Amino acid sequence: MTAPDSAAEIQKLAHQLGVEPTRLAALTGVPAGDLRILRTQIADALFEADKPRFAKIAALSKAVPTAVAARLTEYAMPPLLAARTAELIEPRRAADLVGRLSDGYLADVSAAMDASRAAEVVAEIPADRIATIGAELARRAEWVVIGGFVAHVSAPALAAAVQVFDGEQLLRIGFVLDDKDRLDDVSQLVTDVQIDAMLAAASKHGLWTELDDLLAHLTADRAGRMRDRFGVAPAKIVAATQAAAASGRLSQDSLAKLTA
């Protein structure tokens, strides 16, 4: 695993623990695979610790109409409790329940949910709703949350969500994707304007690690569009990118994908 992989895993672990990534600086250099195992172990331990309580609430929710359950959920349940309960409900009922929650509350629930534990539920959420909640999570800079959901949303939902993100957001989300294979899907969905914005964001915000990671996970064919857009990028962006490569902030392999 590369250094960017480890940096991304530290971001995900920090989100899970509710701390800033800088608090986990001691883990810098630990292989990404080991960090991923640790993150999974912590998630399992936290879930199992309170599973009996979540299971009781999930069972109770089945006894009332979905509309009533949705109203009670939003009125009385903290988002974390609602998220864990949704992970234990039959997927179609959970998706129906999710569809009746307000956008703001659903964003709160999404931020507390482990998408991998509710993959079937996530896949059932309509595309327009995914896009709306994705935009709200991006406004909150919940990159790790969005990155976890991308692996499980439907193809139409992914297409709808990609449309609402700008270049900076796409770079930050791509960096922490749980399923890097989906980068190829995303690369087919982004517009030239979004690619231009990604290159500009890397230069403006110093997101060279994020750009490096993106290029490393794209096939040569998929990287071709970025190369084409880099070829017509403003001189200051080209110069900043070359300077980043010269200083080691961007790999020479990535620079070659942009210029070859």
C-alpha atoms as a PDB file:
ATOM      1  CA  MET A   1       0.000   0.000   0.000  1.00  0.00           C
ATOM      2  CA  THR A   2       1.216   3.523  -0.782  1.00  0.00           C
ATOM      3  CA  ALA A   3       1.588   6.445   1.605  1.00  0.00           C
ATOM      4  CA  PRO A   4      -1.599   8.072   0.257  1.00  0.00           C
ATOM      5  CA  ASP A   5      -3.513   4.861   1.071  1.00  0.00           C
ATOM      6  CA  SER A   6      -2.320   5.057   4.675  1.00  0.00           C
ATOM      7  CA  ALA A   7      -3.156   8.753   4.933  1.00  0.00           C
ATOM      8  CA  ALA A   8      -6.679   8.058   3.696  1.00  0.00           C
ATOM      9  CA  GLU A   9      -7.119   5.241   6.221  1.00  0.00           C
ATOM     10  CA  ILE A  10      -6.006   7.557   9.034  1.00  0.00           C
ATOM     11  CA  GLN A  11      -8.695  10.029   7.960  1.00  0.00           C
ATOM     12  CA  LYS A  12     -11.316   7.272   8.072  1.00  0.00           C
ATOM     13  CA  LEU A  13     -10.150   6.029  11.469  1.00  0.00           C
ATOM     14  CA  ALA A  14     -10.188   9.565  12.861  1.00  0.00           C
ATOM     15  CA  HIS A  15     -13.768  10.001  11.665  1.00  0.00           C
ATOM     16  CA  GLN A  16     -14.781   6.735  13.298  1.00  0.00           C
ATOM     17  CA  LEU A  17     -13.225   7.787  16.610  1.00  0.00           C
ATOM     18  CA  GLY A  18     -14.543  11.354  16.405  1.00  0.00           C
ATOM     19  CA  VAL A  19     -11.111  12.986  16.557  1.00  0.00           C
ATOM     20  CA  GLU A  20      -8.998  15.129  14.253  1.00  0.00           C
ATOM     21  CA  PRO A  21      -6.563  13.168  12.031  1.00  0.00           C
ATOM     22  CA  THR A  22      -3.674  15.005  13.688  1.00  0.00           C
ATOM     23  CA  ARG A  23      -4.487  13.124  16.921  1.00  0.00           C
ATOM     24  CA  LEU A  24      -3.500   9.919  15.126  1.00  0.00           C
ATOM     25  CA  ALA A  25      -0.163  11.200  13.811  1.00  0.00           C
ATOM     26  CA  ALA A  26       1.608   8.379  15.646  1.00  0.00           C
ATOM     27  CA  LEU A  27       0.045   5.942  13.164  1.00  0.00           C
ATOM     28  CA  THR A  28       1.732   7.605  10.191  1.00  0.00           C
ATOM     29  CA  GLY A  29       3.721   4.958   8.370  1.00  0.00           C
ATOM     30  CA  VAL A  30       1.545   2.052   9.491  1.00  0.00           C
ATOM     31  CA  PRO A  31       0.512   0.045   6.394  1.00  0.00           C
ATOM     32  CA  ALA A  32      -2.940   0.907   5.078  1.00  0.00           C
ATOM     33  CA  GLY A  33      -4.060  -2.720   5.276  1.00  0.00           C
ATOM     34  CA  ASP A  34      -3.310  -2.856   8.993  1.00  0.00           C
ATOM     35  CA  LEU A  35      -5.132   0.421   9.594  1.00  0.00           C
ATOM     36  CA  ARG A  36      -8.144  -0.916   7.694  1.00  0.00           C
ATOM     37  CA  ILE A  37      -8.199  -4.043   9.863  1.00  0.00           C
ATOM     38  CA  LEU A  38      -8.002  -1.901  13.013  1.00  0.00           C
ATOM     39  CA  ARG A  39     -10.851   0.313  11.774  1.00  0.00           C
ATOM     40  CA  THR A  40     -13.019  -2.737  11.074  1.00  0.00           C
ATOM     41  CA  GLN A  41     -12.268  -4.241  14.470  1.00  0.00           C
ATOM     42  CA  ILE A  42     -13.210  -1.018  16.247  1.00  0.00           C
ATOM     43  CA  ALA A  43     -16.426  -0.701  14.222  1.00  0.00           C
ATOM     44  CA  ASP A  44     -17.394  -4.278  15.054  1.00  0.00           C
ATOM     45  CA  ALA A  45     -16.671  -3.789  18.750  1.00  0.00           C
ATOM     46  CA  LEU A  46     -18.696  -0.582  18.964  1.00  0.00           C
ATOM     47  CA  PHE A  47     -21.622  -2.132  17.112  1.00  0.00           C
ATOM     48  CA  GLU A  48     -21.696  -5.359  19.104  1.00  0.00           C
ATOM     49  CA  ALA A  49     -21.477  -3.512  22.426  1.00  0.00           C
ATOM     50  CA  ASP A  50     -24.904  -1.917  21.966  1.00  0.00           C
ATOM     51  CA  LYS A  51     -26.465  -4.377  19.514  1.00  0.00           C
ATOM     52  CA  PRO A  52     -29.063  -5.723  22.013  1.00  0.00           C
ATOM     53  CA  ARG A  53     -30.434  -2.216  22.524  1.00  0.00           C
ATOM     54  CA  PHE A  54     -30.532  -1.528  18.774  1.00  0.00           C
ATOM     55  CA  ALA A  55     -32.222  -4.885  18.161  1.00  0.00           C
ATOM     56  CA  LYS A  56     -35.014  -4.121  20.642  1.00  0.00           C
ATOM     57  CA  ILE A  57     -35.755  -0.802  18.988  1.00  0.00           C
ATOM     58  CA  ALA A  58     -35.631  -2.402  15.518  1.00  0.00           C
ATOM     59  CA  ALA A  59     -38.146  -5.023  16.649  1.00  0.00           C
ATOM     60  CA  LEU A  60     -40.410  -2.331  18.089  1.00  0.00           C
ATOM     61  CA  SER A  61     -40.300  -0.344  14.843  1.00  0.00           C
ATOM     62  CA  LYS A  62     -41.745  -3.329  12.969  1.00  0.00           C
ATOM     63  CA  ALA A  63     -44.868  -3.204  15.120  1.00  0.00           C
ATOM     64  CA  VAL A  64     -46.025   0.227  13.961  1.00  0.00           C
ATOM     65  CA  PRO A  65     -46.812   1.679  10.511  1.00  0.00           C
ATOM     66  CA  THR A  66     -43.782   3.076   8.686  1.00  0.00           C
ATOM     67  CA  ALA A  67     -45.170   6.614   8.638  1.00  0.00           C
ATOM     68  CA  VAL A  68     -45.593   6.543  12.415  1.00  0.00           C
ATOM     69  CA  ALA A  69     -42.172   4.977  12.914  1.00  0.00           C
ATOM     70  CA  ALA A  70     -40.568   7.719  10.796  1.00  0.00           C
ATOM     71  CA  ARG A  71     -42.260  10.466  12.795  1.00  0.00           C
ATOM     72  CA  LEU A  72     -41.242   8.900  16.109  1.00  0.00           C
ATOM     73  CA  THR A  73     -37.706   8.274  14.888  1.00  0.00           C
ATOM     74  CA  GLU A  74     -37.083  11.883  13.925  1.00  0.00           C
ATOM     75  CA  TYR A  75     -38.772  13.214  17.054  1.00  0.00           C
ATOM     76  CA  ALA A  76     -37.201  10.940  19.646  1.00  0.00           C
ATOM     77  CA  MET A  77     -34.088   9.172  18.336  1.00  0.00           C
ATOM     78  CA  PRO A  78     -30.564  10.574  18.243  1.00  0.00           C
ATOM     79  CA  PRO A  79     -29.102  10.073  14.737  1.00  0.00           C
ATOM     80  CA  LEU A  80     -26.637   7.412  15.913  1.00  0.00           C
ATOM     81  CA  LEU A  81     -29.410   5.312  17.415  1.00  0.00           C
ATOM     82  CA  ALA A  82     -31.515   5.724  14.274  1.00  0.00           C
ATOM     83  CA  ALA A  83     -28.557   4.717  12.099  1.00  0.00           C
ATOM     84  CA  ARG A  84     -27.811   1.561  14.041  1.00  0.00           C
ATOM     85  CA  THR A  85     -31.496   0.628  14.132  1.00  0.00           C
ATOM     86  CA  ALA A  86     -31.806   1.068  10.357  1.00  0.00           C
ATOM     87  CA  GLU A  87     -28.898  -1.332   9.928  1.00  0.00           C
ATOM     88  CA  LEU A  88     -30.957  -4.075  11.613  1.00  0.00           C
ATOM     89  CA  ILE A  89     -34.328  -3.535   9.897  1.00  0.00           C
ATOM     90  CA  GLU A  90     -35.441  -5.425   6.798  1.00  0.00           C
ATOM     91  CA  PRO A  91     -33.901  -3.449   3.884  1.00  0.00           C
ATOM     92  CA  ARG A  92     -37.091  -2.471   2.034  1.00  0.00           C
ATOM     93  CA  ARG A  93     -38.798  -1.301   5.214  1.00  0.00           C
ATOM     94  CA  ALA A  94     -35.674   0.586   6.233  1.00  0.00           C
ATOM     95  CA  ALA A  95     -35.509   2.258   2.806  1.00  0.00           C
ATOM     96  CA  ASP A  96     -39.181   3.209   3.118  1.00  0.00           C
ATOM     97  CA  LEU A  97     -38.478   4.624   6.560  1.00  0.00           C
ATOM     98  CA  VAL A  98     -35.475   6.567   5.278  1.00  0.00           C
ATOM     99  CA  GLY A  99     -37.600   8.003   2.482  1.00  0.00           C
ATOM    100  CA  ARG A 100     -39.917   9.616   5.036  1.00  0.00           C
ATOM    101  CA  LEU A 101     -37.207  11.412   7.029  1.00  0.00           C
ATOM    102  CA  SER A 102     -36.366  15.074   6.481  1.00  0.00           C
ATOM    103  CA  ASP A 103     -33.217  15.881   4.503  1.00  0.00           C
ATOM    104  CA  GLY A 104     -31.397  17.406   7.455  1.00  0.00           C
ATOM    105  CA  TYR A 105     -32.132  14.524   9.802  1.00  0.00           C
ATOM    106  CA  LEU A 106     -31.289  11.954   7.128  1.00  0.00           C
ATOM    107  CA  ALA A 107     -27.930  13.653   6.619  1.00  0.00           C
ATOM    108  CA  ASP A 108     -27.351  13.380  10.381  1.00  0.00           C
ATOM    109  CA  VAL A 109     -28.267   9.680  10.278  1.00  0.00           C
ATOM    110  CA  SER A 110     -26.036   9.094   7.246  1.00  0.00           C
ATOM    111  CA  ALA A 111     -23.096  10.669   9.056  1.00  0.00           C
ATOM    112  CA  ALA A 112     -23.589   8.165  11.885  1.00  0.00           C
ATOM    113  CA  MET A 113     -24.263   5.129   9.691  1.00  0.00           C
ATOM    114  CA  ASP A 114     -21.815   2.474   8.588  1.00  0.00           C
ATOM    115  CA  ALA A 115     -22.905   2.118   4.968  1.00  0.00           C
ATOM    116  CA  SER A 116     -21.288  -1.305   4.668  1.00  0.00           C
ATOM    117  CA  ARG A 117     -23.665  -2.651   7.330  1.00  0.00           C
ATOM    118  CA  ALA A 118     -26.693  -1.332   5.474  1.00  0.00           C
ATOM    119  CA  ALA A 119     -25.654  -1.829   1.853  1.00  0.00           C
ATOM    120  CA  GLU A 120     -29.065  -3.119   0.775  1.00  0.00           C
ATOM    121  CA  VAL A 121     -30.776  -0.159   2.406  1.00  0.00           C
ATOM    122  CA  VAL A 122     -28.426   2.328   0.725  1.00  0.00           C
ATOM    123  CA  ALA A 123     -28.983   0.672  -2.661  1.00  0.00           C
ATOM    124  CA  GLU A 124     -32.750   1.187  -2.314  1.00  0.00           C
ATOM    125  CA  ILE A 125     -32.580   4.963  -1.729  1.00  0.00           C
ATOM    126  CA  PRO A 126     -33.751   6.883  -4.829  1.00  0.00           C
ATOM    127  CA  ALA A 127     -31.136   8.675  -6.913  1.00  0.00           C
ATOM    128  CA  ASP A 128     -32.512  12.176  -6.334  1.00  0.00           C
ATOM    129  CA  ARG A 129     -32.491  11.643  -2.578  1.00  0.00           C
ATOM    130  CA  ILE A 130     -28.899  10.390  -2.661  1.00  0.00           C
ATOM    131  CA  ALA A 131     -27.898  13.522  -4.586  1.00  0.00           C
ATOM    132  CA  THR A 132     -29.659  15.829  -2.115  1.00  0.00           C
ATOM    133  CA  ILE A 133     -28.117  14.190   0.934  1.00  0.00           C
ATOM    134  CA  GLY A 134     -24.745  13.970  -0.786  1.00  0.00           C
ATOM    135  CA  ALA A 135     -24.780  17.710  -1.400  1.00  0.00           C
ATOM    136  CA  GLU A 136     -25.626  18.362   2.256  1.00  0.00           C
ATOM    137  CA  LEU A 137     -22.879  16.035   3.485  1.00  0.00           C
ATOM    138  CA  ALA A 138     -20.408  17.756   1.151  1.00  0.00           C
ATOM    139  CA  ARG A 139     -21.462  21.133   2.583  1.00  0.00           C
ATOM    140  CA  ARG A 140     -20.545  19.704   5.999  1.00  0.00           C
ATOM    141  CA  ALA A 141     -17.223  18.372   4.629  1.00  0.00           C
ATOM    142  CA  GLU A 142     -18.192  14.799   5.538  1.00  0.00           C
ATOM    143  CA  TRP A 143     -15.829  13.292   2.977  1.00  0.00           C
ATOM    144  CA  VAL A 144     -15.344   9.981   4.775  1.00  0.00           C
ATOM    145  CA  VAL A 145     -19.095   9.480   5.073  1.00  0.00           C
ATOM    146  CA  ILE A 146     -19.666  10.102   1.371  1.00  0.00           C
ATOM    147  CA  GLY A 147     -16.701   7.896   0.488  1.00  0.00           C
ATOM    148  CA  GLY A 148     -18.254   5.036   2.427  1.00  0.00           C
ATOM    149  CA  PHE A 149     -21.608   5.365   0.679  1.00  0.00           C
ATOM    150  CA  VAL A 150     -20.225   5.478  -2.878  1.00  0.00           C
ATOM    151  CA  ALA A 151     -19.452   1.759  -2.804  1.00  0.00           C
ATOM    152  CA  HIS A 152     -23.095   0.893  -2.173  1.00  0.00           C
ATOM    153  CA  VAL A 153     -25.313   3.377  -4.018  1.00  0.00           C
ATOM    154  CA  SER A 154     -26.989   2.348  -7.257  1.00  0.00           C
ATOM    155  CA  ALA A 155     -25.545   3.384 -10.619  1.00  0.00           C
ATOM    156  CA  PRO A 156     -28.295   6.011 -11.187  1.00  0.00           C
ATOM    157  CA  ALA A 157     -27.712   7.374  -7.674  1.00  0.00           C
ATOM    158  CA  LEU A 158     -23.978   7.615  -8.259  1.00  0.00           C
ATOM    159  CA  ALA A 159     -24.568   9.523 -11.488  1.00  0.00           C
ATOM    160  CA  ALA A 160     -26.957  11.916  -9.754  1.00  0.00           C
ATOM    161  CA  ALA A 161     -24.572  12.487  -6.855  1.00  0.00           C
ATOM    162  CA  VAL A 162     -21.510  13.125  -9.014  1.00  0.00           C
ATOM    163  CA  GLN A 163     -23.381  15.946 -10.738  1.00  0.00           C
ATOM    164  CA  VAL A 164     -23.725  17.941  -7.500  1.00  0.00           C
ATOM    165  CA  PHE A 165     -20.035  17.863  -6.473  1.00  0.00           C
ATOM    166  CA  ASP A 166     -17.441  20.404  -7.537  1.00  0.00           C
ATOM    167  CA  GLY A 167     -13.803  19.635  -8.341  1.00  0.00           C
ATOM    168  CA  GLU A 168     -12.445  20.115  -4.844  1.00  0.00           C
ATOM    169  CA  GLN A 169     -15.188  17.946  -3.365  1.00  0.00           C
ATOM    170  CA  LEU A 170     -14.574  15.188  -5.908  1.00  0.00           C
ATOM    171  CA  LEU A 171     -10.867  15.095  -5.074  1.00  0.00           C
ATOM    172  CA  ARG A 172     -11.508  14.929  -1.330  1.00  0.00           C
ATOM    173  CA  ILE A 173     -14.178  12.249  -1.700  1.00  0.00           C
ATOM    174  CA  GLY A 174     -12.128  10.158  -4.119  1.00  0.00           C
ATOM    175  CA  PHE A 175      -9.226  10.107  -1.684  1.00  0.00           C
ATOM    176  CA  VAL A 176     -11.254   8.337   1.031  1.00  0.00           C
ATOM    177  CA  LEU A 177     -13.378   6.021  -1.110  1.00  0.00           C
ATOM    178  CA  ASP A 178     -13.776   2.593   0.456  1.00  0.00           C
ATOM    179  CA  ASP A 179     -14.059   1.053  -3.004  1.00  0.00           C
ATOM    180  CA  LYS A 180     -11.375   2.545  -5.248  1.00  0.00           C
ATOM    181  CA  ASP A 181     -12.654   0.468  -8.169  1.00  0.00           C
ATOM    182  CA  ARG A 182     -15.550   2.907  -8.394  1.00  0.00           C
ATOM    183  CA  LEU A 183     -13.181   5.670  -9.416  1.00  0.00           C
ATOM    184  CA  ASP A 184     -13.389   4.360 -12.955  1.00  0.00           C
ATOM    185  CA  ASP A 185     -17.195   4.683 -12.813  1.00  0.00           C
ATOM    186  CA  VAL A 186     -16.880   8.221 -11.473  1.00  0.00           C
ATOM    187  CA  SER A 187     -14.340   9.149 -14.130  1.00  0.00           C
ATOM    188  CA  GLN A 188     -16.921   8.355 -16.802  1.00  0.00           C
ATOM    189  CA  LEU A 189     -19.507  10.587 -15.124  1.00  0.00           C
ATOM    190  CA  VAL A 190     -17.533  13.776 -14.481  1.00  0.00           C
ATOM    191  CA  THR A 191     -17.682  16.640 -16.955  1.00  0.00           C
ATOM    192  CA  ASP A 192     -14.739  18.508 -18.463  1.00  0.00           C
ATOM    193  CA  VAL A 193     -15.679  21.435 -16.228  1.00  0.00           C
ATOM    194  CA  GLN A 194     -15.346  19.216 -13.144  1.00  0.00           C
ATOM    195  CA  ILE A 195     -11.985  17.854 -14.309  1.00  0.00           C
ATOM    196  CA  ASP A 196     -10.738  21.421 -14.833  1.00  0.00           C
ATOM    197  CA  ALA A 197     -11.976  22.239 -11.344  1.00  0.00           C
ATOM    198  CA  MET A 198     -10.126  19.248  -9.864  1.00  0.00           C
ATOM    199  CA  LEU A 199      -6.845  20.375 -11.399  1.00  0.00           C
ATOM    200  CA  ALA A 200      -7.475  23.931 -10.201  1.00  0.00           C
ATOM    201  CA  ALA A 201      -8.380  22.721  -6.685  1.00  0.00           C
ATOM    202  CA  ALA A 202      -5.175  20.688  -6.404  1.00  0.00           C
ATOM    203  CA  SER A 203      -3.203  23.836  -7.206  1.00  0.00           C
ATOM    204  CA  LYS A 204      -5.249  26.234  -5.076  1.00  0.00           C
ATOM    205  CA  HIS A 205      -5.630  24.060  -1.968  1.00  0.00           C
ATOM    206  CA  GLY A 206      -2.488  21.947  -2.210  1.00  0.00           C
ATOM    207  CA  LEU A 207      -4.457  18.743  -2.734  1.00  0.00           C
ATOM    208  CA  TRP A 208      -1.522  17.005  -4.382  1.00  0.00           C
ATOM    209  CA  THR A 209      -1.811  13.832  -2.326  1.00  0.00           C
ATOM    210  CA  GLU A 210      -5.476  13.568  -3.324  1.00  0.00           C
ATOM    211  CA  LEU A 211      -4.670  14.146  -7.003  1.00  0.00           C
ATOM    212  CA  ASP A 212      -1.773  11.693  -6.823  1.00  0.00           C
ATOM    213  CA  ASP A 213      -4.037   9.032  -5.328  1.00  0.00           C
ATOM    214  CA  LEU A 214      -6.704   9.598  -7.974  1.00  0.00           C
ATOM    215  CA  LEU A 215      -4.258   9.277 -10.858  1.00  0.00           C
ATOM    216  CA  ALA A 216      -2.654   6.198  -9.297  1.00  0.00           C
ATOM    217  CA  HIS A 217      -5.999   4.394  -9.272  1.00  0.00           C
ATOM    218  CA  LEU A 218      -7.098   5.354 -12.777  1.00  0.00           C
ATOM    219  CA  THR A 219      -6.245   3.194 -15.744  1.00  0.00           C
ATOM    220  CA  ALA A 220      -4.194   4.861 -18.474  1.00  0.00           C
ATOM    221  CA  ASP A 221      -7.309   5.142 -20.640  1.00  0.00           C
ATOM    222  CA  ARG A 222      -9.350   6.751 -17.867  1.00  0.00           C
ATOM    223  CA  ALA A 223      -6.501   9.138 -17.050  1.00  0.00           C
ATOM    224  CA  GLY A 224      -6.525  10.218 -20.688  1.00  0.00           C
ATOM    225  CA  ARG A 225      -9.321  12.724 -20.124  1.00  0.00           C
ATOM    226  CA  MET A 226      -7.373  14.356 -17.311  1.00  0.00           C
ATOM    227  CA  ARG A 227      -4.320  14.503 -19.557  1.00  0.00           C
ATOM    228  CA  ASP A 228      -6.378  16.182 -22.271  1.00  0.00           C
ATOM    229  CA  ARG A 229      -7.735  18.770 -19.836  1.00  0.00           C
ATOM    230  CA  PHE A 230      -4.284  19.359 -18.327  1.00  0.00           C
ATOM    231  CA  GLY A 231      -3.060  20.059 -21.848  1.00  0.00           C
ATOM    232  CA  VAL A 232      -5.363  23.096 -22.065  1.00  0.00           C
ATOM    233  CA  ALA A 233      -5.102  24.160 -18.418  1.00  0.00           C
ATOM    234  CA  PRO A 234      -4.015  27.721 -17.535  1.00  0.00           C
ATOM    235  CA  ALA A 235      -0.262  28.219 -17.351  1.00  0.00           C
ATOM    236  CA  LYS A 236      -0.329  28.865 -13.596  1.00  0.00           C
ATOM    237  CA  ILE A 237      -1.952  25.473 -12.936  1.00  0.00           C
ATOM    238  CA  VAL A 238       0.564  23.712 -15.174  1.00  0.00           C
ATOM    239  CA  ALA A 239       3.423  25.486 -13.425  1.00  0.00           C
ATOM    240  CA  ALA A 240       2.070  24.656  -9.959  1.00  0.00           C
ATOM    241  CA  THR A 241       1.663  20.998 -10.920  1.00  0.00           C
ATOM    242  CA  GLN A 242       5.198  20.785 -12.278  1.00  0.00           C
ATOM    243  CA  ALA A 243       6.526  22.454  -9.141  1.00  0.00           C
ATOM    244  CA  ALA A 244       4.615  19.973  -6.963  1.00  0.00           C
ATOM    245  CA  ALA A 245       6.190  17.086  -8.875  1.00  0.00           C
ATOM    246  CA  ALA A 246       9.658  18.624  -8.617  1.00  0.00           C
ATOM    247  CA  SER A 247       9.290  18.957  -4.839  1.00  0.00           C
ATOM    248  CA  GLY A 248       7.936  15.435  -4.355  1.00  0.00           C
ATOM    249  CA  ARG A 249       4.420  16.477  -3.383  1.00  0.00           C
ATOM    250  CA  LEU A 250       3.130  14.872  -6.590  1.00  0.00           C
ATOM    251  CA  SER A 251       4.686  11.681  -7.914  1.00  0.00           C
ATOM    252  CA  GLN A 252       6.538  11.582 -11.198  1.00  0.00           C
ATOM    253  CA  ASP A 253       4.200   8.779 -12.299  1.00  0.00           C
ATOM    254  CA  SER A 254       1.219  11.101 -11.876  1.00  0.00           C
ATOM    255  CA  LEU A 255       2.945  13.902 -13.728  1.00  0.00           C
ATOM    256  CA  ALA A 256       3.662  11.459 -16.565  1.00  0.00           C
ATOM    257  CA  LYS A 257      -0.025  10.500 -16.738  1.00  0.00           C
ATOM    258  CA  LEU A 258      -0.892  14.166 -17.112  1.00  0.00           C
ATOM    259  CA  THR A 259       1.756  14.995 -19.700  1.00  0.00           C
ATOM    260  CA  ALA A 260       2.661  11.844 -21.645  1.00  0.00           C
END
